Amino acid sequence: MRAAFSRRRGAPDGSTVVKKKTNKAAAKRFSLTGRGKVRRRKAFKSHILTKKTAKRKRHLRKAGIASHADERRLVGLLTT
């Protein structure tokens, strides 16, 4: 009887190769633009919409760009 892990293969020299995985939670919320910026949805559009003006709701429909301060961290989560 073989161990369940015997089929796993590492690098030819015997060391293991760690694969980078996309963070699925971030992938559902953010996407990358063609120029590498991070696209995000805007907040305040899920409920209590009757008191918000049509103009305000219309502007909230458009996608926003994530802050430059958060960009490096988000790109790391999204990159496979």
Foldseek 3Di string as FASTA:
>chain_A
DDDPCPPDDAPPVRDHDDDQDAQVVLVVAWDADPVGWIKGQAPDQDDPCPVPDPVVNVVNRDIDTDDPVCSVVSSSNGPD
